[in-house]
Structures are given as C-alpha cells and as structure tokens.
Amino acid sequence: MFNGSKIWYSIDPSQSHMIYPSDESKYEWGGYSLVDVDAVDLKEFPKLREIKYSKIEMNAGDCVFMPGGKAFWI
C-alpha cells in the first residue's frame, strides 16, 4: 500500500459457495457475487451470516502476501 488505507475481508475458498457466486463465475478466475454490497439483503442471502472471515486493515507501507487460490477477497 503506497498511500492511504484499505480494509480487505478474506474468506477461505471452502466457503466460496456462501458468497452466492454468479453462474458466469464458474468459468472464470475471480468472478463476482450476486449480492449487492451496498444493500445486503440477509433474507435473500442468509448464508452470509455464517461466513468466517479475516479482516485485514492496510495502511501506507503495509504489504500482504496471499498465495494464489488460498483466499477470496470480499
């Protein structure tokens, strides 16, 4: 991180089904979720409550190493 700050949320790939991936995401690296992060509806997407995540707070000068395929960023 060169400047400013950023908060990342990381989950284990074994929980990826709980973020409601789009159908297209099955065929691409990365992909996206069907959940609107600006208006999360826990009635429509109840599995979100069960996700165990790591919160990473980065500031200027910080660095995070994440081996490929070891986590999903949310």
N, C-alpha and C. Protein backbone atom coordinates (compact mmCIF):
# COMPACT_ATOMS: atom_id res chain seq x y z
N MET A 1 0.85 -1.16 0.00
CA MET A 1 0.00 0.00 0.00
C MET A 1 0.89 1.23 0.00
N PHE A 2 0.79 2.04 -1.05
CA PHE A 2 1.65 3.20 -1.16
C PHE A 2 1.15 4.38 -0.34
N ASN A 3 -0.17 4.56 -0.32
CA ASN A 3 -0.71 5.75 0.33
C ASN A 3 -2.12 5.44 0.82
N GLY A 4 -2.55 6.09 1.85
CA GLY A 4 -3.92 5.92 2.34
C GLY A 4 -4.11 4.64 3.12
N SER A 5 -5.34 4.15 3.14
CA SER A 5 -5.65 2.91 3.87
C SER A 5 -6.72 2.13 3.11
N LYS A 6 -6.81 0.86 3.44
CA LYS A 6 -7.76 -0.04 2.77
C LYS A 6 -8.10 -1.15 3.74
N ILE A 7 -9.36 -1.56 3.75
CA ILE A 7 -9.79 -2.70 4.55
C ILE A 7 -10.22 -3.80 3.59
N TRP A 8 -9.66 -4.99 3.77
CA TRP A 8 -10.00 -6.17 2.98
C TRP A 8 -10.64 -7.21 3.89
N TYR A 9 -11.56 -7.98 3.34
CA TYR A 9 -12.13 -9.11 4.04
C TYR A 9 -11.80 -10.34 3.20
N SER A 10 -11.22 -11.33 3.83
CA SER A 10 -10.76 -12.51 3.13
C SER A 10 -11.46 -13.74 3.70
N ILE A 11 -11.89 -14.65 2.80
CA ILE A 11 -12.50 -15.90 3.26
C ILE A 11 -11.77 -17.07 2.62
N ASP A 12 -11.85 -18.22 3.26
CA ASP A 12 -11.26 -19.44 2.75
C ASP A 12 -12.05 -19.92 1.53
N PRO A 13 -11.39 -20.45 0.51
CA PRO A 13 -12.10 -20.92 -0.69
C PRO A 13 -13.18 -21.97 -0.39
N SER A 14 -13.05 -22.70 0.71
CA SER A 14 -14.07 -23.70 1.05
C SER A 14 -15.42 -23.05 1.37
N GLN A 15 -15.44 -21.75 1.57
CA GLN A 15 -16.68 -21.03 1.86
C GLN A 15 -17.21 -20.26 0.66
N SER A 16 -16.59 -20.43 -0.50
CA SER A 16 -16.97 -19.61 -1.66
C SER A 16 -18.43 -19.78 -2.06
N HIS A 17 -19.02 -20.94 -1.81
CA HIS A 17 -20.44 -21.13 -2.14
C HIS A 17 -21.35 -20.23 -1.30
N MET A 18 -20.83 -19.74 -0.18
CA MET A 18 -21.64 -18.92 0.73
C MET A 18 -21.69 -17.45 0.32
N ILE A 19 -20.91 -17.06 -0.70
CA ILE A 19 -20.95 -15.67 -1.14
C ILE A 19 -21.85 -15.51 -2.37
N TYR A 20 -22.57 -16.56 -2.72
CA TYR A 20 -23.53 -16.54 -3.83
C TYR A 20 -22.87 -16.09 -5.14
N PRO A 21 -21.92 -16.89 -5.64
CA PRO A 21 -21.25 -16.51 -6.89
C PRO A 21 -22.21 -16.56 -8.07
N SER A 22 -21.97 -15.72 -9.05
CA SER A 22 -22.80 -15.72 -10.26
C SER A 22 -22.53 -16.98 -11.06
N ASP A 23 -23.44 -17.34 -11.95
CA ASP A 23 -23.24 -18.51 -12.81
C ASP A 23 -21.99 -18.36 -13.68
N GLU A 24 -21.74 -17.14 -14.16
CA GLU A 24 -20.58 -16.89 -15.00
C GLU A 24 -19.27 -17.12 -14.25
N SER A 25 -19.29 -16.95 -12.92
CA SER A 25 -18.08 -17.09 -12.13
C SER A 25 -17.54 -18.51 -12.11
N LYS A 26 -18.36 -19.48 -12.48
CA LYS A 26 -17.90 -20.88 -12.52
C LYS A 26 -16.85 -21.08 -13.60
N TYR A 27 -16.83 -20.21 -14.60
CA TYR A 27 -15.97 -20.40 -15.76
C TYR A 27 -14.84 -19.39 -15.86
N GLU A 28 -14.66 -18.57 -14.84
CA GLU A 28 -13.61 -17.57 -14.89
C GLU A 28 -12.87 -17.50 -13.57
N TRP A 29 -11.65 -16.99 -13.60
CA TRP A 29 -10.88 -16.81 -12.38
C TRP A 29 -11.35 -15.51 -11.74
N GLY A 30 -11.70 -15.58 -10.49
CA GLY A 30 -12.22 -14.40 -9.81
C GLY A 30 -13.73 -14.43 -9.80
N GLY A 31 -14.34 -13.72 -10.70
CA GLY A 31 -15.79 -13.70 -10.78
C GLY A 31 -16.39 -12.67 -9.84
N TYR A 32 -17.68 -12.82 -9.64
CA TYR A 32 -18.38 -11.87 -8.77
C TYR A 32 -19.56 -12.53 -8.09
N SER A 33 -20.06 -11.88 -7.07
CA SER A 33 -21.18 -12.37 -6.28
C SER A 33 -22.47 -11.69 -6.74
N LEU A 34 -23.58 -12.34 -6.49
CA LEU A 34 -24.89 -11.78 -6.80
C LEU A 34 -25.35 -10.77 -5.74
N VAL A 35 -24.64 -10.69 -4.63
CA VAL A 35 -25.01 -9.82 -3.53
C VAL A 35 -24.62 -8.37 -3.83
N ASP A 36 -25.55 -7.46 -3.61
CA ASP A 36 -25.29 -6.03 -3.75
C ASP A 36 -24.63 -5.56 -2.45
N VAL A 37 -23.34 -5.28 -2.48
CA VAL A 37 -22.62 -4.94 -1.25
C VAL A 37 -23.07 -3.62 -0.64
N ASP A 38 -23.75 -2.79 -1.41
CA ASP A 38 -24.25 -1.52 -0.88
C ASP A 38 -25.62 -1.65 -0.22
N ALA A 39 -26.27 -2.80 -0.41
CA ALA A 39 -27.59 -3.03 0.19
C ALA A 39 -27.77 -4.54 0.41
N VAL A 40 -27.00 -5.10 1.34
CA VAL A 40 -27.02 -6.54 1.60
C VAL A 40 -28.37 -6.96 2.17
N ASP A 41 -29.00 -7.94 1.53
CA ASP A 41 -30.30 -8.47 1.98
C ASP A 41 -30.07 -9.85 2.58
N LEU A 42 -30.03 -9.92 3.92
CA LEU A 42 -29.75 -11.18 4.60
C LEU A 42 -30.92 -12.16 4.53
N LYS A 43 -32.10 -11.68 4.18
CA LYS A 43 -33.23 -12.60 3.98
C LYS A 43 -33.07 -13.33 2.65
N GLU A 44 -32.59 -12.63 1.64
CA GLU A 44 -32.38 -13.23 0.32
C GLU A 44 -31.10 -14.07 0.29
N PHE A 45 -30.08 -13.66 1.07
CA PHE A 45 -28.78 -14.33 1.08
C PHE A 45 -28.38 -14.71 2.51
N PRO A 46 -29.09 -15.65 3.14
CA PRO A 46 -28.87 -15.96 4.56
C PRO A 46 -27.53 -16.59 4.89
N LYS A 47 -26.88 -17.24 3.94
CA LYS A 47 -25.59 -17.89 4.23
C LYS A 47 -24.51 -16.88 4.59
N LEU A 48 -24.69 -15.62 4.20
CA LEU A 48 -23.69 -14.60 4.51
C LEU A 48 -23.43 -14.47 6.01
N ARG A 49 -24.45 -14.74 6.81
CA ARG A 49 -24.30 -14.65 8.27
C ARG A 49 -23.30 -15.67 8.81
N GLU A 50 -23.12 -16.79 8.11
CA GLU A 50 -22.30 -17.89 8.61
C GLU A 50 -20.84 -17.81 8.18
N ILE A 51 -20.49 -16.88 7.32
CA ILE A 51 -19.13 -16.81 6.79
C ILE A 51 -18.14 -16.41 7.88
N LYS A 52 -17.06 -17.17 7.96
CA LYS A 52 -15.94 -16.84 8.84
C LYS A 52 -14.92 -16.11 7.96
N TYR A 53 -14.49 -14.97 8.37
CA TYR A 53 -13.60 -14.16 7.54
C TYR A 53 -12.45 -13.58 8.36
N SER A 54 -11.45 -13.12 7.66
CA SER A 54 -10.34 -12.38 8.25
C SER A 54 -10.45 -10.95 7.77
N LYS A 55 -10.29 -10.03 8.69
CA LYS A 55 -10.32 -8.61 8.35
C LYS A 55 -8.88 -8.12 8.32
N ILE A 56 -8.49 -7.50 7.21
CA ILE A 56 -7.13 -7.01 7.05
C ILE A 56 -7.18 -5.51 6.83
N GLU A 57 -6.57 -4.78 7.75
CA GLU A 57 -6.51 -3.33 7.64
C GLU A 57 -5.11 -2.94 7.18
N MET A 58 -5.02 -2.28 6.03
CA MET A 58 -3.73 -1.89 5.47
C MET A 58 -3.59 -0.38 5.50
N ASN A 59 -2.38 0.06 5.81
CA ASN A 59 -2.05 1.47 5.78
C ASN A 59 -0.80 1.66 4.93
N ALA A 60 -0.44 2.90 4.67
CA ALA A 60 0.73 3.20 3.86
C ALA A 60 1.93 2.43 4.35
N GLY A 61 2.63 1.74 3.44
CA GLY A 61 3.80 0.96 3.78
C GLY A 61 3.53 -0.50 4.10
N ASP A 62 2.27 -0.90 4.25
CA ASP A 62 1.92 -2.28 4.55
C ASP A 62 1.90 -3.13 3.29
N CYS A 63 2.11 -4.43 3.48
CA CYS A 63 2.11 -5.38 2.36
C CYS A 63 1.46 -6.67 2.84
N VAL A 64 0.67 -7.30 2.00
CA VAL A 64 0.05 -8.58 2.33
C VAL A 64 0.42 -9.59 1.25
N PHE A 65 0.90 -10.75 1.66
CA PHE A 65 1.17 -11.84 0.71
C PHE A 65 0.06 -12.86 0.85
N MET A 66 -0.61 -13.17 -0.25
CA MET A 66 -1.67 -14.16 -0.24
C MET A 66 -1.41 -15.13 -1.39
N PRO A 67 -1.01 -16.37 -1.09
CA PRO A 67 -0.77 -17.34 -2.17
C PRO A 67 -2.02 -17.53 -3.02
N GLY A 68 -1.85 -17.67 -4.32
CA GLY A 68 -2.97 -17.85 -5.23
C GLY A 68 -3.86 -19.02 -4.84
N GLY A 69 -5.17 -18.80 -4.88
CA GLY A 69 -6.13 -19.85 -4.58
C GLY A 69 -6.33 -20.11 -3.10
N LYS A 70 -5.74 -19.34 -2.23
CA LYS A 70 -5.85 -19.58 -0.78
C LYS A 70 -6.93 -18.76 -0.12
N ALA A 71 -7.46 -17.76 -0.82
CA ALA A 71 -8.49 -16.92 -0.21
C ALA A 71 -9.24 -16.18 -1.28
N PHE A 72 -10.44 -15.76 -0.92
CA PHE A 72 -11.23 -14.87 -1.75
C PHE A 72 -11.33 -13.55 -1.02
N TRP A 73 -11.20 -12.45 -1.75
CA TRP A 73 -11.31 -11.13 -1.16
C TRP A 73 -12.73 -10.62 -1.33
N ILE A 74 -13.26 -10.09 -0.24
CA ILE A 74 -14.60 -9.53 -0.30
C ILE A 74 -14.59 -8.13 0.29
